[in-house]
N, C-alpha and C. Protein backbone atom coordinates (compact mmCIF):
# COMPACT_ATOMS: atom_id res chain seq x y z
N MET A 1 119.30 83.78 82.38
CA MET A 1 118.02 83.87 83.13
C MET A 1 116.67 83.48 82.85
N ASP A 2 116.34 83.16 81.32
CA ASP A 2 115.31 82.48 80.97
C ASP A 2 114.92 81.15 81.50
N SER A 3 116.45 79.94 81.43
CA SER A 3 116.02 79.05 81.74
C SER A 3 115.91 78.87 83.37
N ALA A 4 116.39 79.73 83.88
CA ALA A 4 116.21 79.81 85.63
C ALA A 4 114.48 80.10 85.38
N ILE A 5 114.11 81.12 84.88
CA ILE A 5 112.69 82.07 85.35
C ILE A 5 111.70 80.77 84.69
N THR A 6 112.03 79.63 83.88
CA THR A 6 111.09 78.76 83.64
C THR A 6 110.89 77.55 84.71
N GLU A 7 112.03 77.43 85.84
CA GLU A 7 111.70 76.93 86.64
C GLU A 7 111.01 77.14 88.11
N VAL A 8 110.35 78.67 87.92
CA VAL A 8 109.80 79.41 88.86
C VAL A 8 108.41 78.59 89.20
N PRO A 9 107.38 78.26 88.09
CA PRO A 9 106.09 78.26 88.44
C PRO A 9 106.03 76.76 89.18
N ARG A 10 107.09 75.71 88.68
CA ARG A 10 107.18 74.49 89.22
C ARG A 10 107.69 74.48 90.93
N LEU A 11 108.47 75.20 91.03
CA LEU A 11 109.34 75.37 92.20
C LEU A 11 108.11 76.10 93.14
N VAL A 12 107.64 76.93 92.96
CA VAL A 12 106.39 77.78 93.57
C VAL A 12 105.26 76.58 93.96
N ARG A 13 104.74 75.54 93.04
CA ARG A 13 103.75 74.44 93.27
C ARG A 13 104.51 73.65 94.47
N ASP A 14 105.83 73.34 94.11
CA ASP A 14 106.34 72.32 94.99
C ASP A 14 106.28 73.11 96.76
N LEU A 15 106.59 74.31 96.60
CA LEU A 15 106.38 75.41 97.93
C LEU A 15 105.14 75.02 98.74
N TYR A 16 104.13 75.19 97.76
CA TYR A 16 102.80 75.15 98.34
C TYR A 16 102.45 73.65 98.89
N LYS A 17 103.03 72.70 98.05
CA LYS A 17 102.66 71.09 98.40
C LYS A 17 103.44 70.99 99.87
N VAL A 18 104.73 71.43 99.84
CA VAL A 18 105.55 71.34 101.39
C VAL A 18 104.64 72.01 102.40
N VAL A 19 103.93 73.66 102.15
CA VAL A 19 103.37 74.12 103.29
C VAL A 19 102.15 73.42 103.38
N SER A 20 101.63 72.89 102.60
CA SER A 20 100.38 71.99 102.81
C SER A 20 100.31 70.81 103.65
N GLU A 21 101.73 70.12 103.50
CA GLU A 21 102.31 69.13 104.02
C GLU A 21 102.13 69.39 105.86
N LEU A 22 102.98 70.42 106.12
CA LEU A 22 103.59 70.93 107.21
C LEU A 22 102.31 71.32 108.01
N GLU A 23 101.08 72.16 107.21
CA GLU A 23 99.96 72.58 107.85
C GLU A 23 99.04 71.28 108.36
N ARG A 24 99.11 70.12 107.49
CA ARG A 24 98.39 68.97 107.64
C ARG A 24 98.84 68.27 109.03
N LEU A 25 100.29 68.29 109.09
CA LEU A 25 100.96 67.46 110.13
C LEU A 25 100.68 68.28 111.59
N PHE A 26 100.71 69.73 111.33
CA PHE A 26 100.47 70.43 112.66
C PHE A 26 99.40 71.11 112.72
N ALA A 27 98.20 70.32 112.24
CA ALA A 27 96.83 70.96 112.41
C ALA A 27 96.41 70.97 113.68
N ALA A 28 96.57 70.06 114.60
CA ALA A 28 96.41 69.67 115.97
C ALA A 28 96.55 70.88 116.82
N GLN A 29 97.86 71.81 116.26
CA GLN A 29 98.56 73.02 116.75
C GLN A 29 98.02 74.33 116.62
N ASN A 30 97.09 74.03 115.25
CA ASN A 30 96.66 75.19 114.57
C ASN A 30 97.45 76.00 113.98
N LYS A 31 99.07 75.37 113.88
CA LYS A 31 99.99 75.98 112.87
C LYS A 31 99.89 76.57 111.78
N LYS A 32 100.07 77.52 111.14
CA LYS A 32 100.00 77.79 109.77
C LYS A 32 101.67 78.07 109.53
N PHE A 33 101.86 77.76 108.03
CA PHE A 33 103.35 78.04 107.52
C PHE A 33 103.08 78.82 106.11
N THR A 34 103.52 80.15 106.18
CA THR A 34 103.01 80.98 105.00
C THR A 34 104.48 81.32 104.68
N GLN A 35 104.40 81.53 103.22
CA GLN A 35 105.39 81.76 102.32
C GLN A 35 105.34 83.59 102.36
N ASP A 36 106.19 84.20 102.94
CA ASP A 36 106.13 85.85 103.12
C ASP A 36 107.37 86.28 103.13
N GLY A 37 107.53 87.40 103.60
CA GLY A 37 108.65 88.16 103.52
C GLY A 37 109.52 88.31 102.55
N HIS A 38 110.80 88.00 102.66
CA HIS A 38 111.83 88.30 101.63
C HIS A 38 111.61 87.14 100.59
N LEU A 39 111.44 85.77 100.87
CA LEU A 39 110.83 84.97 99.66
C LEU A 39 110.06 85.27 98.81
N VAL A 40 108.66 86.03 98.97
CA VAL A 40 107.65 86.33 98.16
C VAL A 40 108.55 87.74 97.41
N GLY A 41 109.10 88.72 98.34
CA GLY A 41 109.61 89.75 97.59
C GLY A 41 110.60 89.51 96.44
N SER A 42 111.26 88.41 97.08
CA SER A 42 112.47 87.94 96.07
C SER A 42 111.84 87.58 94.72
N LEU A 43 110.82 86.13 95.00
CA LEU A 43 110.19 85.57 93.72
C LEU A 43 109.61 87.11 93.02
N GLY A 44 108.85 88.02 93.50
CA GLY A 44 108.50 88.92 92.60
C GLY A 44 109.26 89.65 91.93
N GLU A 45 110.68 90.08 92.37
CA GLU A 45 111.51 90.69 91.78
C GLU A 45 112.08 89.93 90.48
N VAL A 46 112.38 88.78 90.61
CA VAL A 46 112.87 88.18 89.59
C VAL A 46 111.62 87.80 88.28
N LEU A 47 110.49 87.57 88.97
CA LEU A 47 109.26 87.63 87.68
C LEU A 47 109.31 88.96 86.99
N ALA A 48 109.23 89.93 88.00
CA ALA A 48 108.78 91.21 87.31
C ALA A 48 110.08 91.46 86.49
N ALA A 49 111.22 91.19 86.64
CA ALA A 49 112.63 91.43 85.68
C ALA A 49 112.56 90.77 84.75
N HIS A 50 111.68 89.35 84.58
CA HIS A 50 111.85 88.68 83.67
C HIS A 50 110.48 89.09 82.50
N MET A 51 109.29 89.68 83.27
CA MET A 51 108.06 89.89 82.61
C MET A 51 108.33 91.47 81.82
N TYR A 52 109.12 92.04 82.43
CA TYR A 52 109.06 93.52 82.24
C TYR A 52 110.71 93.80 81.51
N GLY A 53 111.37 93.08 81.43
CA GLY A 53 112.72 93.39 80.91
C GLY A 53 113.62 94.22 81.94
N LEU A 54 113.70 94.10 83.44
CA LEU A 54 114.07 95.03 84.50
C LEU A 54 115.47 94.77 84.68
N ASP A 55 116.54 95.55 84.92
CA ASP A 55 117.57 95.14 85.45
C ASP A 55 117.41 95.35 86.85
N LEU A 56 117.88 94.15 87.71
CA LEU A 56 117.51 94.58 89.29
C LEU A 56 118.82 95.12 90.07
N HIS A 57 118.54 96.04 91.03
CA HIS A 57 119.37 96.62 92.07
C HIS A 57 119.77 95.56 92.90
N PRO A 58 120.96 95.69 93.53
CA PRO A 58 121.47 94.76 94.72
C PRO A 58 120.66 94.71 95.72
N ASN A 59 120.37 93.73 96.60
CA ASN A 59 119.55 93.32 97.72
C ASN A 59 119.67 94.62 98.42
N SER A 60 118.54 95.36 99.25
CA SER A 60 118.65 96.07 99.97
C SER A 60 118.94 97.76 99.34
N HIS A 61 118.44 97.95 97.99
CA HIS A 61 118.79 99.00 97.39
C HIS A 61 117.96 100.05 98.13
N PRO A 62 118.27 101.17 98.19
CA PRO A 62 117.31 102.10 98.79
C PRO A 62 116.21 102.54 97.78
N GLY A 63 114.92 102.52 98.27
CA GLY A 63 113.97 103.06 97.70
C GLY A 63 113.36 102.28 96.45
N HIS A 64 114.09 101.69 95.61
CA HIS A 64 113.74 101.21 94.33
C HIS A 64 114.43 99.63 93.99
N ASP A 65 113.61 98.63 93.29
CA ASP A 65 114.30 97.36 93.30
C ASP A 65 114.80 97.10 91.70
N ALA A 66 114.53 97.93 91.12
CA ALA A 66 115.27 97.54 89.34
C ALA A 66 115.21 99.21 88.65
N ILE A 67 115.69 98.85 87.85
CA ILE A 67 115.64 99.97 86.68
C ILE A 67 114.86 99.22 85.25
N GLY A 68 114.15 100.37 84.89
CA GLY A 68 113.30 99.95 83.51
C GLY A 68 114.49 100.03 82.27
N ARG A 69 114.10 99.51 81.14
CA ARG A 69 114.72 99.84 80.13
C ARG A 69 114.92 101.46 79.37
N ASP A 70 113.76 102.01 80.01
CA ASP A 70 113.94 103.29 79.73
C ASP A 70 114.30 104.28 80.85
N GLY A 71 115.02 103.89 81.63
CA GLY A 71 115.42 104.34 82.96
C GLY A 71 114.74 104.72 84.20
N ARG A 72 113.75 104.39 83.88
CA ARG A 72 112.88 104.40 85.11
C ARG A 72 113.08 103.60 86.38
N GLN A 73 112.98 104.11 87.46
CA GLN A 73 113.29 103.46 88.87
C GLN A 73 111.81 102.69 89.31
N VAL A 74 111.98 101.22 89.54
CA VAL A 74 110.83 100.75 89.90
C VAL A 74 111.22 100.20 91.25
N GLN A 75 110.08 100.42 91.67
CA GLN A 75 109.67 99.69 93.02
C GLN A 75 108.87 98.42 92.66
N ILE A 76 108.91 97.19 93.18
CA ILE A 76 108.19 95.97 92.78
C ILE A 76 107.96 95.39 94.30
N LYS A 77 106.53 95.27 94.15
CA LYS A 77 105.97 94.42 95.33
C LYS A 77 105.10 93.65 95.11
N ALA A 78 105.19 92.51 95.99
CA ALA A 78 104.75 90.79 95.71
C ALA A 78 103.94 90.35 96.81
N THR A 79 102.89 89.83 96.32
CA THR A 79 102.33 89.52 97.64
C THR A 79 101.49 88.06 97.10
N GLN A 80 101.42 87.38 97.98
CA GLN A 80 100.50 85.66 97.86
C GLN A 80 98.95 86.18 98.46
N GLY A 81 98.73 87.13 99.39
CA GLY A 81 97.52 87.40 100.09
C GLY A 81 96.72 88.11 98.87
N ARG A 82 95.44 88.47 99.44
CA ARG A 82 94.30 89.27 98.46
C ARG A 82 93.81 90.49 99.26
N LYS A 83 94.77 91.07 100.43
CA LYS A 83 94.32 92.25 100.77
C LYS A 83 95.24 93.21 100.20
N GLY A 84 96.70 93.42 100.52
CA GLY A 84 97.01 94.75 100.01
C GLY A 84 98.79 94.53 100.26
N VAL A 85 99.25 95.60 99.91
CA VAL A 85 100.52 95.88 99.98
C VAL A 85 101.25 96.95 100.88
N ALA A 86 102.28 97.27 101.16
CA ALA A 86 102.57 98.48 101.74
C ALA A 86 103.86 99.11 101.24
N LEU A 87 103.74 100.56 101.39
CA LEU A 87 104.90 101.41 100.77
C LEU A 87 105.57 102.31 101.90
N ARG A 88 106.84 102.36 101.64
CA ARG A 88 107.67 103.27 102.84
C ARG A 88 107.68 104.85 102.29
N SER A 89 107.77 104.79 101.10
CA SER A 89 107.58 106.07 100.53
C SER A 89 107.41 106.20 99.13
N GLU A 90 107.25 107.24 98.21
CA GLU A 90 106.50 107.00 97.03
C GLU A 90 107.43 106.64 95.80
N PRO A 91 107.33 105.73 95.29
CA PRO A 91 108.08 104.99 94.38
C PRO A 91 108.08 106.06 92.92
N ASP A 92 109.02 105.98 92.14
CA ASP A 92 109.13 106.58 90.67
C ASP A 92 108.11 105.92 89.96
N HIS A 93 108.27 104.32 89.87
CA HIS A 93 107.10 103.40 89.28
C HIS A 93 106.77 102.31 90.20
N LEU A 94 105.66 101.90 90.06
CA LEU A 94 105.57 100.85 91.09
C LEU A 94 104.95 99.61 90.06
N ILE A 95 105.38 98.42 90.43
CA ILE A 95 104.87 97.24 89.89
C ILE A 95 104.42 96.41 90.98
N VAL A 96 103.05 95.83 91.13
CA VAL A 96 102.29 95.01 92.36
C VAL A 96 101.88 93.72 91.52
N LEU A 97 102.45 92.77 91.99
CA LEU A 97 101.98 91.43 91.53
C LEU A 97 101.52 90.57 92.66
N ARG A 98 100.75 89.71 92.22
CA ARG A 98 100.01 88.94 93.01
C ARG A 98 100.59 87.40 92.54
N ILE A 99 101.11 86.64 93.21
CA ILE A 99 101.86 85.32 92.92
C ILE A 99 101.02 84.15 93.51
N GLU A 100 100.32 83.40 92.38
CA GLU A 100 99.17 82.71 92.77
C GLU A 100 100.21 81.10 93.22
N SER A 101 99.21 80.26 93.89
CA SER A 101 99.81 78.93 94.21
C SER A 101 100.52 78.01 92.85
N ASN A 102 100.11 78.38 91.89
CA ASN A 102 100.66 77.73 90.35
C ASN A 102 101.44 78.18 90.00
N GLY A 103 101.95 79.46 90.61
CA GLY A 103 103.36 79.62 90.33
C GLY A 103 103.48 81.21 89.49
N GLN A 104 102.53 81.22 88.73
CA GLN A 104 102.23 82.51 87.76
C GLN A 104 102.00 83.78 88.71
N ALA A 105 102.23 84.53 87.80
CA ALA A 105 102.12 86.11 88.63
C ALA A 105 101.13 86.75 88.24
N GLU A 106 100.17 87.38 88.56
CA GLU A 106 99.01 88.56 88.17
C GLU A 106 99.59 89.80 88.35
N GLU A 107 99.43 90.81 87.12
CA GLU A 107 99.81 92.01 87.46
C GLU A 107 98.32 92.77 87.85
N ILE A 108 98.92 93.54 89.11
CA ILE A 108 97.64 94.03 89.92
C ILE A 108 98.12 95.49 89.66
N TYR A 109 99.16 96.04 89.49
CA TYR A 109 99.42 97.30 89.26
C TYR A 109 100.66 97.66 88.51
N ASN A 110 100.70 98.48 87.62
CA ASN A 110 101.75 98.87 86.68
C ASN A 110 101.87 100.32 86.32
N GLY A 111 102.00 101.18 87.24
CA GLY A 111 101.90 102.82 86.93
C GLY A 111 102.95 103.34 87.71
N PRO A 112 102.51 104.78 87.48
CA PRO A 112 103.26 105.76 88.41
C PRO A 112 103.17 105.57 89.84
N GLY A 113 104.46 105.81 90.43
CA GLY A 113 104.11 105.33 92.01
C GLY A 113 103.64 106.32 92.51
N SER A 114 103.57 107.74 92.20
CA SER A 114 102.67 108.82 92.86
C SER A 114 100.99 108.72 93.14
N LEU A 115 100.44 107.87 92.09
CA LEU A 115 98.89 107.63 92.27
C LEU A 115 98.70 106.58 93.30
N ALA A 116 99.83 105.57 93.29
CA ALA A 116 99.73 104.38 94.33
C ALA A 116 99.91 105.15 95.50
N TRP A 117 100.86 105.96 95.85
CA TRP A 117 101.36 106.71 96.91
C TRP A 117 100.22 107.50 97.38
N LYS A 118 99.60 108.12 96.64
CA LYS A 118 98.36 109.13 96.97
C LYS A 118 97.01 108.30 97.67
N ALA A 119 97.19 106.97 97.00
CA ALA A 119 96.10 106.26 97.30
C ALA A 119 96.14 105.48 98.60
N CYS A 120 97.55 105.27 99.40
CA CYS A 120 97.68 104.85 100.42
C CYS A 120 96.71 105.46 101.72
N SER A 121 96.77 104.58 102.62
CA SER A 121 95.77 104.89 103.93
C SER A 121 96.56 105.62 104.85
N PHE A 122 96.91 106.75 104.64
CA PHE A 122 97.56 107.72 106.01
C PHE A 122 96.72 108.17 107.01
N GLY A 123 97.21 107.70 108.13
CA GLY A 123 96.74 107.82 109.30
C GLY A 123 97.19 109.38 109.86
N LYS A 124 96.82 109.49 111.19
CA LYS A 124 97.59 111.01 112.06
C LYS A 124 98.77 110.23 112.21
N ASN A 125 98.93 109.23 112.65
CA ASN A 125 100.33 108.96 113.16
C ASN A 125 101.02 107.91 112.00
N LYS A 126 102.17 108.40 111.85
CA LYS A 126 103.12 107.20 110.85
C LYS A 126 103.45 106.09 111.76
N PRO A 127 102.80 104.56 111.07
CA PRO A 127 103.00 103.40 111.53
C PRO A 127 104.06 103.04 112.17
N SER A 128 104.17 102.46 112.86
CA SER A 128 105.50 101.91 113.88
C SER A 128 106.36 101.20 112.91
N ASN A 129 106.17 100.51 111.79
CA ASN A 129 106.82 99.95 110.99
C ASN A 129 107.28 100.92 109.77
N GLY A 130 106.56 102.15 109.61
CA GLY A 130 106.74 102.90 108.90
C GLY A 130 106.24 102.85 107.39
N GLN A 131 105.38 101.59 107.00
CA GLN A 131 104.74 101.29 106.03
C GLN A 131 103.22 101.78 105.93
N TYR A 132 102.91 102.09 104.82
CA TYR A 132 101.68 102.81 104.75
C TYR A 132 100.84 101.65 103.89
N ALA A 133 99.62 101.22 104.13
CA ALA A 133 99.08 100.07 103.13
C ALA A 133 97.96 100.57 102.10
N VAL A 134 97.99 100.11 101.23
CA VAL A 134 97.06 100.38 100.01
C VAL A 134 96.48 98.96 99.58
N THR A 135 95.29 98.66 99.44
CA THR A 135 94.86 97.16 99.02
C THR A 135 94.73 97.09 97.72
N LEU A 136 94.71 95.70 97.46
CA LEU A 136 95.11 95.13 95.69
C LEU A 136 94.00 95.89 95.11
N SER A 137 92.38 95.91 95.60
CA SER A 137 91.44 96.41 94.84
C SER A 137 91.80 97.91 94.72
N THR A 138 91.95 98.70 95.55
CA THR A 138 92.26 100.03 95.17
C THR A 138 93.47 100.02 93.95
N LEU A 139 94.31 99.34 94.18
CA LEU A 139 95.40 99.48 93.16
C LEU A 139 94.97 98.95 91.73
N LYS A 140 94.03 98.01 91.60
CA LYS A 140 93.32 97.16 90.50
C LYS A 140 92.63 98.49 89.82
N LYS A 141 91.64 99.23 90.76
CA LYS A 141 90.82 100.10 90.15
C LYS A 141 91.52 101.31 89.72
N LEU A 142 92.59 101.54 90.30
CA LEU A 142 93.46 102.75 89.98
C LEU A 142 94.14 102.51 88.61
N MET A 143 94.55 101.53 88.33
CA MET A 143 95.56 101.42 87.19
C MET A 143 94.11 101.33 86.08
N ASP A 144 93.09 100.29 85.92
CA ASP A 144 92.23 100.51 85.31
C ASP A 144 91.42 101.69 84.88
N ALA A 145 91.39 102.67 85.63
CA ALA A 145 90.74 103.91 85.52
C ALA A 145 91.84 105.22 85.04
N GLU A 146 92.98 105.05 85.57
CA GLU A 146 93.99 106.23 85.62
C GLU A 146 95.31 106.00 85.01
N VAL A 147 95.57 104.85 84.70
CA VAL A 147 96.61 104.49 84.23
C VAL A 147 96.82 103.89 82.76
N PRO A 148 96.98 105.15 81.64
CA PRO A 148 97.11 104.59 80.26
C PRO A 148 98.07 103.62 79.86
N ASP A 149 98.13 102.70 78.98
CA ASP A 149 99.12 102.03 78.61
C ASP A 149 100.62 102.85 78.19
N SER A 150 100.25 103.76 78.02
CA SER A 150 101.54 104.66 78.08
C SER A 150 102.47 104.99 78.98
N LEU A 151 101.76 105.16 80.50
CA LEU A 151 102.44 105.01 81.69
C LEU A 151 102.85 103.52 82.13
N ARG A 152 102.49 102.55 81.39
CA ARG A 152 102.88 101.58 81.96
C ARG A 152 104.22 100.88 81.68
N LEU A 153 104.74 99.99 82.18
CA LEU A 153 106.20 99.34 81.79
C LEU A 153 105.69 98.34 80.67
N PRO A 154 105.79 98.08 79.30
CA PRO A 154 105.43 96.99 78.30
C PRO A 154 105.65 95.88 79.15
N LYS A 155 105.00 94.79 79.12
CA LYS A 155 105.62 93.29 79.39
C LYS A 155 106.14 92.77 77.83
N LEU A 156 107.56 91.77 78.28
CA LEU A 156 107.96 91.19 76.95
C LEU A 156 107.06 90.36 76.46
N LYS A 157 107.34 90.03 75.33
CA LYS A 157 106.61 88.88 74.54
C LYS A 157 107.15 87.69 75.28
């Protein structure tokens, strides 16, 4: 996997080039081409697996995406946006990455899922998609203030 992971930043940069070209070609129609959904999620999973030494579960595994070396179940969320992510349920451990256009991943949150879950914006009614939002800024502040290194999954060197 090490040789494959080294290709990710170049491939993400290439994706952004293609998206920019598509948006230029269809500017008159005001058409946007965003890399979202499964593509960003899958990129986040392989990047997190490499960064933290995680073993990924098969696709569509309920609740969690990977298992840590210490046995912790890990939910991985990735975004290219600046707003936030959404959770369906409280994960054991949560890693949130922001994937930059240069293909690098910024760690936004790495800590207990319970803290992130409590920070979700719960309204009176459950959202129609079953997901509760939490902003990246909230997660970053929460990690900085309430998640000591001992509760974070260590990054591999």
